[in-house]
Amino acid sequence: MTGNIACILIHGFGGDTGEIEPLAAYLENLGYEVRRTRLAGHTGRRREMKHATHRDWIRSAEDDYLDLYSDYEKIILIGFSTGGLIAANLAANYPAAAVITISTPIYVWDFKRILANLSKGVKERSMESLKWYAYSAFSFPLASLIHFKLLLHKSKRLFSLLNCPLYVLQGLDDDTVHRKSADFIYRSSPSGNKHLDYFEPSGHVMLKGPASDEAIRKIVNFIETI
């Protein structure tokens, strides 16, 4: 039955709901109630992002949770990247039927992978990788980067409180989030129903990359066991 289950999907730092749209649309087609949380300040305008704190980001998802809570028996929290940290914050304060993290950071930047990507770009005479890393490093306001670090520090300990079912997904070729982040999240949780899957090739934005179909299938299979 899908009628008593709602899924809240939370996108990542500096991104938008397009990062989680393939999964959101798939779940809707199956009959689940789906909320796509847009984090405060994530409008594409630098000024608005600068003035939103990590508490505002959490509140964005919290507002969606509270709006659904009285109408649905089960609420599943699904977070991509930083959205997984926000999901952990919600689950620490409210009942969650399950938490699903996708490419969620504990350890950021896999420098070995970054060097490999840059080397490949040089060999292929492509500047795309260099342009992407430069954009990632300099496009966000300093205040936002500080609040990301504050959120990461705050959230890291919360995974040890997750007793609900947990599913952790991580790309082995993710250069933004180191693969050992997934192992940390999985090992920290005391849940008796937890699963960890690695994917390759995947990239960081897993739900829009080459592993998308497989990841979505496995997420749906997990949800159907809740």
C-alpha atoms as a PDB file:
ATOM      1  CA  MET A   1       0.000   0.000   0.000  1.00  0.00           C
ATOM      2  CA  THR A   2       1.285   3.459  -0.903  1.00  0.00           C
ATOM      3  CA  GLY A   3      -1.635   5.543   0.347  1.00  0.00           C
ATOM      4  CA  ASN A   4      -0.390   5.866   3.917  1.00  0.00           C
ATOM      5  CA  ILE A   5       3.228   6.626   2.986  1.00  0.00           C
ATOM      6  CA  ALA A   6       4.716  10.012   2.169  1.00  0.00           C
ATOM      7  CA  CYS A   7       8.252  10.584   0.930  1.00  0.00           C
ATOM      8  CA  ILE A   8      10.167  13.794   1.505  1.00  0.00           C
ATOM      9  CA  LEU A   9      13.033  14.269  -0.949  1.00  0.00           C
ATOM     10  CA  ILE A  10      15.706  16.812  -0.044  1.00  0.00           C
ATOM     11  CA  HIS A  11      18.246  18.135  -2.540  1.00  0.00           C
ATOM     12  CA  GLY A  12      21.865  19.055  -1.880  1.00  0.00           C
ATOM     13  CA  PHE A  13      23.916  22.127  -1.012  1.00  0.00           C
ATOM     14  CA  GLY A  14      23.925  24.681  -3.802  1.00  0.00           C
ATOM     15  CA  GLY A  15      21.581  22.577  -5.905  1.00  0.00           C
ATOM     16  CA  ASP A  16      17.874  22.360  -6.548  1.00  0.00           C
ATOM     17  CA  THR A  17      15.045  19.837  -6.762  1.00  0.00           C
ATOM     18  CA  GLY A  18      16.195  18.739 -10.205  1.00  0.00           C
ATOM     19  CA  GLU A  19      18.834  16.638  -8.440  1.00  0.00           C
ATOM     20  CA  ILE A  20      16.141  14.375  -6.971  1.00  0.00           C
ATOM     21  CA  GLU A  21      13.488  14.724  -9.681  1.00  0.00           C
ATOM     22  CA  PRO A  22      13.985  11.312 -11.390  1.00  0.00           C
ATOM     23  CA  LEU A  23      13.285   9.503  -8.112  1.00  0.00           C
ATOM     24  CA  ALA A  24      10.484  11.894  -7.130  1.00  0.00           C
ATOM     25  CA  ALA A  25       8.659  11.378 -10.418  1.00  0.00           C
ATOM     26  CA  TYR A  26       9.101   7.597 -10.231  1.00  0.00           C
ATOM     27  CA  LEU A  27       7.679   7.420  -6.717  1.00  0.00           C
ATOM     28  CA  GLU A  28       4.734   9.612  -7.695  1.00  0.00           C
ATOM     29  CA  ASN A  29       3.957   7.303 -10.595  1.00  0.00           C
ATOM     30  CA  LEU A  30       3.814   4.429  -8.116  1.00  0.00           C
ATOM     31  CA  GLY A  31       1.231   6.290  -6.051  1.00  0.00           C
ATOM     32  CA  TYR A  32       3.334   7.669  -3.218  1.00  0.00           C
ATOM     33  CA  GLU A  33       2.796  11.159  -1.857  1.00  0.00           C
ATOM     34  CA  VAL A  34       6.015  13.046  -2.632  1.00  0.00           C
ATOM     35  CA  ARG A  35       7.326  16.364  -1.373  1.00  0.00           C
ATOM     36  CA  ARG A  36      10.309  17.966  -3.026  1.00  0.00           C
ATOM     37  CA  THR A  37      11.905  20.154  -0.378  1.00  0.00           C
ATOM     38  CA  ARG A  38      13.582  23.263  -1.753  1.00  0.00           C
ATOM     39  CA  LEU A  39      16.152  24.459   0.749  1.00  0.00           C
ATOM     40  CA  ALA A  40      15.925  28.063   1.924  1.00  0.00           C
ATOM     41  CA  GLY A  41      18.075  30.418  -0.120  1.00  0.00           C
ATOM     42  CA  HIS A  42      18.516  27.956  -2.963  1.00  0.00           C
ATOM     43  CA  THR A  43      16.914  30.066  -5.652  1.00  0.00           C
ATOM     44  CA  GLY A  44      19.919  30.364  -7.926  1.00  0.00           C
ATOM     45  CA  ARG A  45      20.588  33.878  -6.642  1.00  0.00           C
ATOM     46  CA  ARG A  46      23.808  34.257  -4.675  1.00  0.00           C
ATOM     47  CA  ARG A  47      22.436  37.002  -2.424  1.00  0.00           C
ATOM     48  CA  GLU A  48      19.541  34.854  -1.198  1.00  0.00           C
ATOM     49  CA  MET A  49      21.792  31.884  -0.543  1.00  0.00           C
ATOM     50  CA  LYS A  50      24.168  34.090   1.437  1.00  0.00           C
ATOM     51  CA  HIS A  51      21.453  35.038   3.928  1.00  0.00           C
ATOM     52  CA  ALA A  52      20.112  31.523   4.566  1.00  0.00           C
ATOM     53  CA  THR A  53      21.627  29.566   7.460  1.00  0.00           C
ATOM     54  CA  HIS A  54      21.877  25.810   7.965  1.00  0.00           C
ATOM     55  CA  ARG A  55      18.997  26.152  10.448  1.00  0.00           C
ATOM     56  CA  ASP A  56      16.905  27.655   7.654  1.00  0.00           C
ATOM     57  CA  TRP A  57      17.759  24.696   5.427  1.00  0.00           C
ATOM     58  CA  ILE A  58      16.635  22.256   8.118  1.00  0.00           C
ATOM     59  CA  ARG A  59      13.467  24.277   8.674  1.00  0.00           C
ATOM     60  CA  SER A  60      12.591  23.982   4.981  1.00  0.00           C
ATOM     61  CA  ALA A  61      12.382  20.197   5.281  1.00  0.00           C
ATOM     62  CA  GLU A  62      10.802  20.422   8.722  1.00  0.00           C
ATOM     63  CA  ASP A  63       7.951  22.512   7.319  1.00  0.00           C
ATOM     64  CA  ASP A  64       7.232  19.808   4.725  1.00  0.00           C
ATOM     65  CA  TYR A  65       7.375  17.122   7.417  1.00  0.00           C
ATOM     66  CA  LEU A  66       4.936  18.920   9.717  1.00  0.00           C
ATOM     67  CA  ASP A  67       2.580  19.563   6.822  1.00  0.00           C
ATOM     68  CA  LEU A  68       2.415  15.819   6.103  1.00  0.00           C
ATOM     69  CA  TYR A  69       2.632  14.378   9.598  1.00  0.00           C
ATOM     70  CA  SER A  70      -1.062  14.350  10.520  1.00  0.00           C
ATOM     71  CA  ASP A  71      -2.180  12.825   7.211  1.00  0.00           C
ATOM     72  CA  TYR A  72       0.285   9.976   6.702  1.00  0.00           C
ATOM     73  CA  GLU A  73       1.092   6.968   8.832  1.00  0.00           C
ATOM     74  CA  LYS A  74       4.661   6.723   7.560  1.00  0.00           C
ATOM     75  CA  ILE A  75       7.051   9.416   6.396  1.00  0.00           C
ATOM     76  CA  ILE A  76      10.246   8.382   4.626  1.00  0.00           C
ATOM     77  CA  LEU A  77      13.102  10.892   4.513  1.00  0.00           C
ATOM     78  CA  ILE A  78      15.292  10.758   1.417  1.00  0.00           C
ATOM     79  CA  GLY A  79      18.277  13.073   1.202  1.00  0.00           C
ATOM     80  CA  PHE A  80      20.712  13.603  -1.625  1.00  0.00           C
ATOM     81  CA  SER A  81      24.165  14.856  -0.578  1.00  0.00           C
ATOM     82  CA  THR A  82      23.658  17.575   2.073  1.00  0.00           C
ATOM     83  CA  GLY A  83      19.987  16.617   2.019  1.00  0.00           C
ATOM     84  CA  GLY A  84      21.010  13.405   3.794  1.00  0.00           C
ATOM     85  CA  LEU A  85      22.439  15.451   6.663  1.00  0.00           C
ATOM     86  CA  ILE A  86      19.166  17.344   6.890  1.00  0.00           C
ATOM     87  CA  ALA A  87      17.232  14.065   6.878  1.00  0.00           C
ATOM     88  CA  ALA A  88      19.305  12.916   9.873  1.00  0.00           C
ATOM     89  CA  ASN A  89      18.395  16.115  11.708  1.00  0.00           C
ATOM     90  CA  LEU A  90      14.693  15.530  11.086  1.00  0.00           C
ATOM     91  CA  ALA A  91      14.885  11.888  12.133  1.00  0.00           C
ATOM     92  CA  ALA A  92      16.592  12.902  15.377  1.00  0.00           C
ATOM     93  CA  ASN A  93      13.587  15.049  16.317  1.00  0.00           C
ATOM     94  CA  TYR A  94      10.571  13.435  14.640  1.00  0.00           C
ATOM     95  CA  PRO A  95       9.361   9.890  13.908  1.00  0.00           C
ATOM     96  CA  ALA A  96      10.663   8.606  10.586  1.00  0.00           C
ATOM     97  CA  ALA A  97       9.612   5.368   8.935  1.00  0.00           C
ATOM     98  CA  ALA A  98      13.019   5.227   7.227  1.00  0.00           C
ATOM     99  CA  VAL A  99      15.971   7.356   6.194  1.00  0.00           C
ATOM    100  CA  ILE A 100      17.657   7.028   2.808  1.00  0.00           C
ATOM    101  CA  THR A 101      20.929   8.845   2.146  1.00  0.00           C
ATOM    102  CA  ILE A 102      22.344   9.268  -1.351  1.00  0.00           C
ATOM    103  CA  SER A 103      25.925  10.526  -1.773  1.00  0.00           C
ATOM    104  CA  THR A 104      25.778  12.120   1.662  1.00  0.00           C
ATOM    105  CA  PRO A 105      28.991  13.736   2.905  1.00  0.00           C
ATOM    106  CA  ILE A 106      30.882  13.033   6.076  1.00  0.00           C
ATOM    107  CA  TYR A 107      34.239  13.299   4.320  1.00  0.00           C
ATOM    108  CA  VAL A 108      34.230  15.703   1.376  1.00  0.00           C
ATOM    109  CA  TRP A 109      36.345  15.795  -1.771  1.00  0.00           C
ATOM    110  CA  ASP A 110      38.047  12.619  -2.940  1.00  0.00           C
ATOM    111  CA  PHE A 111      41.299  14.225  -4.121  1.00  0.00           C
ATOM    112  CA  LYS A 112      42.578  11.008  -5.706  1.00  0.00           C
ATOM    113  CA  ARG A 113      39.472  10.907  -7.870  1.00  0.00           C
ATOM    114  CA  ILE A 114      39.717  14.624  -8.654  1.00  0.00           C
ATOM    115  CA  LEU A 115      43.321  14.236  -9.854  1.00  0.00           C
ATOM    116  CA  ALA A 116      42.283  11.270 -11.981  1.00  0.00           C
ATOM    117  CA  ASN A 117      39.486  13.312 -13.572  1.00  0.00           C
ATOM    118  CA  LEU A 118      41.800  16.256 -14.228  1.00  0.00           C
ATOM    119  CA  SER A 119      44.431  13.961 -15.724  1.00  0.00           C
ATOM    120  CA  LYS A 120      41.823  12.397 -17.979  1.00  0.00           C
ATOM    121  CA  GLY A 121      40.724  15.874 -19.073  1.00  0.00           C
ATOM    122  CA  VAL A 122      44.294  16.838 -19.965  1.00  0.00           C
ATOM    123  CA  LYS A 123      44.757  13.678 -22.018  1.00  0.00           C
ATOM    124  CA  GLU A 124      41.472  14.300 -23.827  1.00  0.00           C
ATOM    125  CA  ARG A 125      42.232  18.024 -24.140  1.00  0.00           C
ATOM    126  CA  SER A 126      39.020  18.850 -22.314  1.00  0.00           C
ATOM    127  CA  MET A 127      38.662  21.672 -19.783  1.00  0.00           C
ATOM    128  CA  GLU A 128      35.254  20.582 -18.474  1.00  0.00           C
ATOM    129  CA  SER A 129      36.557  19.002 -15.258  1.00  0.00           C
ATOM    130  CA  LEU A 130      38.739  22.011 -14.448  1.00  0.00           C
ATOM    131  CA  LYS A 131      35.842  24.401 -15.091  1.00  0.00           C
ATOM    132  CA  TRP A 132      33.563  22.346 -12.832  1.00  0.00           C
ATOM    133  CA  TYR A 133      36.018  22.246  -9.927  1.00  0.00           C
ATOM    134  CA  ALA A 134      36.696  25.970 -10.237  1.00  0.00           C
ATOM    135  CA  TYR A 135      32.954  26.654 -10.231  1.00  0.00           C
ATOM    136  CA  SER A 136      32.416  24.451  -7.169  1.00  0.00           C
ATOM    137  CA  ALA A 137      35.241  26.100  -5.266  1.00  0.00           C
ATOM    138  CA  PHE A 138      34.365  29.740  -5.918  1.00  0.00           C
ATOM    139  CA  SER A 139      30.669  30.041  -6.793  1.00  0.00           C
ATOM    140  CA  PHE A 140      29.182  29.793  -3.292  1.00  0.00           C
ATOM    141  CA  PRO A 141      29.169  32.596  -0.690  1.00  0.00           C
ATOM    142  CA  LEU A 142      31.663  32.123   2.134  1.00  0.00           C
ATOM    143  CA  ALA A 143      28.830  32.343   4.673  1.00  0.00           C
ATOM    144  CA  SER A 144      27.068  29.417   2.981  1.00  0.00           C
ATOM    145  CA  LEU A 145      30.217  27.295   3.021  1.00  0.00           C
ATOM    146  CA  ILE A 146      30.604  28.019   6.737  1.00  0.00           C
ATOM    147  CA  HIS A 147      27.017  26.964   7.372  1.00  0.00           C
ATOM    148  CA  PHE A 148      27.604  23.781   5.399  1.00  0.00           C
ATOM    149  CA  LYS A 149      30.522  23.000   7.718  1.00  0.00           C
ATOM    150  CA  LEU A 150      28.370  23.777  10.763  1.00  0.00           C
ATOM    151  CA  LEU A 151      25.641  21.466   9.491  1.00  0.00           C
ATOM    152  CA  LEU A 152      28.165  18.709   8.810  1.00  0.00           C
ATOM    153  CA  HIS A 153      29.648  19.006  12.301  1.00  0.00           C
ATOM    154  CA  LYS A 154      26.209  18.996  13.906  1.00  0.00           C
ATOM    155  CA  SER A 155      24.850  16.108  11.846  1.00  0.00           C
ATOM    156  CA  LYS A 156      27.783  13.723  12.069  1.00  0.00           C
ATOM    157  CA  ARG A 157      26.867  12.524  15.557  1.00  0.00           C
ATOM    158  CA  LEU A 158      23.160  12.187  14.733  1.00  0.00           C
ATOM    159  CA  PHE A 159      23.623   9.048  12.655  1.00  0.00           C
ATOM    160  CA  SER A 160      24.388   7.181  15.882  1.00  0.00           C
ATOM    161  CA  LEU A 161      20.788   7.941  16.929  1.00  0.00           C
ATOM    162  CA  LEU A 162      19.123   6.492  13.826  1.00  0.00           C
ATOM    163  CA  ASN A 163      17.202   3.416  14.945  1.00  0.00           C
ATOM    164  CA  CYS A 164      14.780   3.455  12.022  1.00  0.00           C
ATOM    165  CA  PRO A 165      15.403   1.511   8.800  1.00  0.00           C
ATOM    166  CA  LEU A 166      18.347   3.017   6.930  1.00  0.00           C
ATOM    167  CA  TYR A 167      19.518   2.698   3.347  1.00  0.00           C
ATOM    168  CA  VAL A 168      22.841   4.246   2.319  1.00  0.00           C
ATOM    169  CA  LEU A 169      23.805   4.689  -1.351  1.00  0.00           C
ATOM    170  CA  GLN A 170      27.216   5.894  -2.516  1.00  0.00           C
ATOM    171  CA  GLY A 171      29.077   6.134  -5.800  1.00  0.00           C
ATOM    172  CA  LEU A 172      32.585   4.730  -5.848  1.00  0.00           C
ATOM    173  CA  ASP A 173      33.594   7.302  -8.452  1.00  0.00           C
ATOM    174  CA  ASP A 174      32.057  10.228  -6.564  1.00  0.00           C
ATOM    175  CA  ASP A 175      34.745  12.923  -6.383  1.00  0.00           C
ATOM    176  CA  THR A 176      32.678  15.281  -4.201  1.00  0.00           C
ATOM    177  CA  VAL A 177      31.895  12.855  -1.365  1.00  0.00           C
ATOM    178  CA  HIS A 178      34.511  10.317  -0.328  1.00  0.00           C
ATOM    179  CA  ARG A 179      33.264   6.731  -0.339  1.00  0.00           C
ATOM    180  CA  LYS A 180      34.195   6.266   3.327  1.00  0.00           C
ATOM    181  CA  SER A 181      31.345   8.660   4.205  1.00  0.00           C
ATOM    182  CA  ALA A 182      28.842   5.923   3.418  1.00  0.00           C
ATOM    183  CA  ASP A 183      30.692   3.442   5.600  1.00  0.00           C
ATOM    184  CA  PHE A 184      30.678   5.937   8.484  1.00  0.00           C
ATOM    185  CA  ILE A 185      26.923   6.507   8.209  1.00  0.00           C
ATOM    186  CA  TYR A 186      26.201   2.788   7.948  1.00  0.00           C
ATOM    187  CA  ARG A 187      28.412   1.788  10.870  1.00  0.00           C
ATOM    188  CA  SER A 188      27.234   4.637  13.095  1.00  0.00           C
ATOM    189  CA  SER A 189      23.564   3.711  12.971  1.00  0.00           C
ATOM    190  CA  PRO A 190      22.337   1.153  15.542  1.00  0.00           C
ATOM    191  CA  SER A 191      19.411   0.207  13.286  1.00  0.00           C
ATOM    192  CA  GLY A 192      18.707  -3.481  12.942  1.00  0.00           C
ATOM    193  CA  ASN A 193      17.465  -2.859   9.412  1.00  0.00           C
ATOM    194  CA  LYS A 194      20.195  -1.085   7.501  1.00  0.00           C
ATOM    195  CA  HIS A 195      21.693  -1.556   4.057  1.00  0.00           C
ATOM    196  CA  LEU A 196      24.618  -0.114   2.134  1.00  0.00           C
ATOM    197  CA  ASP A 197      25.131  -0.212  -1.623  1.00  0.00           C
ATOM    198  CA  TYR A 198      27.958   1.171  -3.747  1.00  0.00           C
ATOM    199  CA  PHE A 199      27.595   2.063  -7.421  1.00  0.00           C
ATOM    200  CA  GLU A 200      30.060   2.571 -10.266  1.00  0.00           C
ATOM    201  CA  PRO A 201      29.937   4.415 -12.556  1.00  0.00           C
ATOM    202  CA  SER A 202      27.739   6.847 -10.707  1.00  0.00           C
ATOM    203  CA  GLY A 203      29.250  10.286 -10.221  1.00  0.00           C
ATOM    204  CA  HIS A 204      28.043  12.522  -7.426  1.00  0.00           C
ATOM    205  CA  VAL A 205      24.544  13.362  -8.669  1.00  0.00           C
ATOM    206  CA  MET A 206      23.607   9.688  -8.629  1.00  0.00           C
ATOM    207  CA  LEU A 207      19.949  10.077  -9.571  1.00  0.00           C
ATOM    208  CA  LYS A 208      20.897  11.805 -12.836  1.00  0.00           C
ATOM    209  CA  GLY A 209      23.935   9.691 -13.683  1.00  0.00           C
ATOM    210  CA  PRO A 210      24.589   6.280 -15.221  1.00  0.00           C
ATOM    211  CA  ALA A 211      23.546   4.456 -12.036  1.00  0.00           C
ATOM    212  CA  SER A 212      20.200   6.245 -11.815  1.00  0.00           C
ATOM    213  CA  ASP A 213      17.960   3.386 -12.952  1.00  0.00           C
ATOM    214  CA  GLU A 214      19.609   0.825 -10.689  1.00  0.00           C
ATOM    215  CA  ALA A 215      19.632   3.186  -7.700  1.00  0.00           C
ATOM    216  CA  ILE A 216      15.954   4.060  -8.127  1.00  0.00           C
ATOM    217  CA  ARG A 217      15.027   0.393  -8.434  1.00  0.00           C
ATOM    218  CA  LYS A 218      16.873  -0.482  -5.238  1.00  0.00           C
ATOM    219  CA  ILE A 219      15.392   2.478  -3.363  1.00  0.00           C
ATOM    220  CA  VAL A 220      11.873   1.429  -4.354  1.00  0.00           C
ATOM    221  CA  ASN A 221      12.588  -2.170  -3.310  1.00  0.00           C
ATOM    222  CA  PHE A 222      13.783  -0.892   0.068  1.00  0.00           C
ATOM    223  CA  ILE A 223      10.734   1.339   0.545  1.00  0.00           C
ATOM    224  CA  GLU A 224       8.422  -1.564  -0.236  1.00  0.00           C
ATOM    225  CA  THR A 225       9.834  -3.441   2.766  1.00  0.00           C
ATOM    226  CA  ILE A 226       9.027  -0.654   5.226  1.00  0.00           C
END
